[in-house]
Amino acid sequence: LERVALERLDAGALLPTSEVRGGEEILVLSGALADGEGTYGERTWIRNPDGYRRALRSKQGAVYWTKRGHLPREA
């Protein structure tokens, strides 16, 4: 199931660790997002494969576009 959304994290927010089902792409529109791999500023495109585990957080807050569920594992 493919899902597209515009999401926002408030300053200091931390989302719990979750597994990305079907993969995801994230485009940071404002602020900055961080995960275990690094920090991503405005205009950064993030692509996570199906099954990737991550916990998003934002020190300053962020608005970002997401598309999830469209990158299934290849057999």
Protein backbone atom coordinates (compact mmCIF):
# COMPACT_ATOMS: atom_id res chain seq x y z
CA LEU A 1 0.00 0.00 0.00
CA GLU A 2 1.57 3.25 -1.16
CA ARG A 3 1.16 6.29 1.12
CA VAL A 4 2.14 9.92 0.53
CA ALA A 5 2.06 12.54 3.28
CA LEU A 6 3.35 15.91 4.41
CA GLU A 7 4.63 15.51 7.98
CA ARG A 8 6.03 17.74 10.69
CA LEU A 9 8.20 17.11 13.74
CA ASP A 10 8.30 19.77 16.44
CA ALA A 11 11.64 20.93 17.83
CA GLY A 12 13.05 18.27 20.15
CA ALA A 13 10.69 15.55 18.87
CA LEU A 14 11.80 11.91 18.71
CA LEU A 15 9.80 9.19 16.96
CA PRO A 16 10.20 5.65 18.30
CA THR A 17 12.28 3.16 16.35
CA SER A 18 10.22 1.51 13.64
CA GLU A 19 10.75 -0.74 10.65
CA VAL A 20 10.06 0.75 7.23
CA ARG A 21 7.60 -1.57 5.47
CA GLY A 22 7.77 -1.32 1.70
CA GLY A 23 10.55 1.26 1.77
CA GLU A 24 10.29 5.04 1.98
CA GLU A 25 11.51 8.25 0.44
CA ILE A 26 11.69 11.48 2.41
CA LEU A 27 12.30 15.00 1.13
CA VAL A 28 13.18 17.50 3.88
CA LEU A 29 11.40 20.76 3.07
CA SER A 30 12.43 22.84 6.10
CA GLY A 31 14.41 22.38 9.28
CA ALA A 32 16.44 19.19 9.74
CA LEU A 33 15.79 15.51 10.39
CA ALA A 34 18.21 13.06 11.97
CA ASP A 35 18.46 9.29 12.37
CA GLY A 36 21.21 6.83 13.27
CA GLU A 37 23.01 7.57 9.99
CA GLY A 38 23.23 11.37 10.22
CA THR A 39 21.45 14.72 10.04
CA TYR A 40 19.66 15.89 6.89
CA GLY A 41 18.95 19.54 6.13
CA GLU A 42 16.59 21.27 3.74
CA ARG A 43 16.35 19.85 0.21
CA THR A 44 17.85 16.51 1.28
CA TRP A 45 16.35 13.39 -0.30
CA ILE A 46 16.47 10.23 1.85
CA ARG A 47 15.70 6.76 0.47
CA ASN A 48 15.34 3.86 2.91
CA PRO A 49 14.81 0.28 1.70
CA ASP A 50 12.13 -2.13 2.83
CA GLY A 51 12.94 -3.46 6.30
CA TYR A 52 15.20 -0.53 7.30
CA ARG A 53 14.95 0.34 11.02
CA ARG A 54 15.16 3.98 12.04
CA ALA A 55 14.10 6.49 14.68
CA LEU A 56 13.58 9.98 13.28
CA ARG A 57 14.28 13.01 15.46
CA SER A 58 14.57 16.74 14.98
CA LYS A 59 16.49 19.13 17.19
CA GLN A 60 15.10 22.27 15.52
CA GLY A 61 11.88 20.92 14.01
CA ALA A 62 11.23 19.83 10.44
CA VAL A 63 8.61 19.66 7.71
CA TYR A 64 9.06 16.83 5.22
CA TRP A 65 7.30 15.02 2.39
CA THR A 66 7.14 11.21 2.54
CA LYS A 67 6.25 8.39 0.21
CA ARG A 68 6.10 4.92 1.77
CA GLY A 69 5.27 1.39 0.70
CA HIS A 70 6.43 1.61 -2.92
CA LEU A 71 9.88 -0.03 -2.64
CA PRO A 72 9.18 -3.69 -1.83
CA ARG A 73 12.01 -6.16 -1.42
CA GLU A 74 13.05 -7.85 -4.60
CA ALA A 75 12.61 -11.62 -4.63
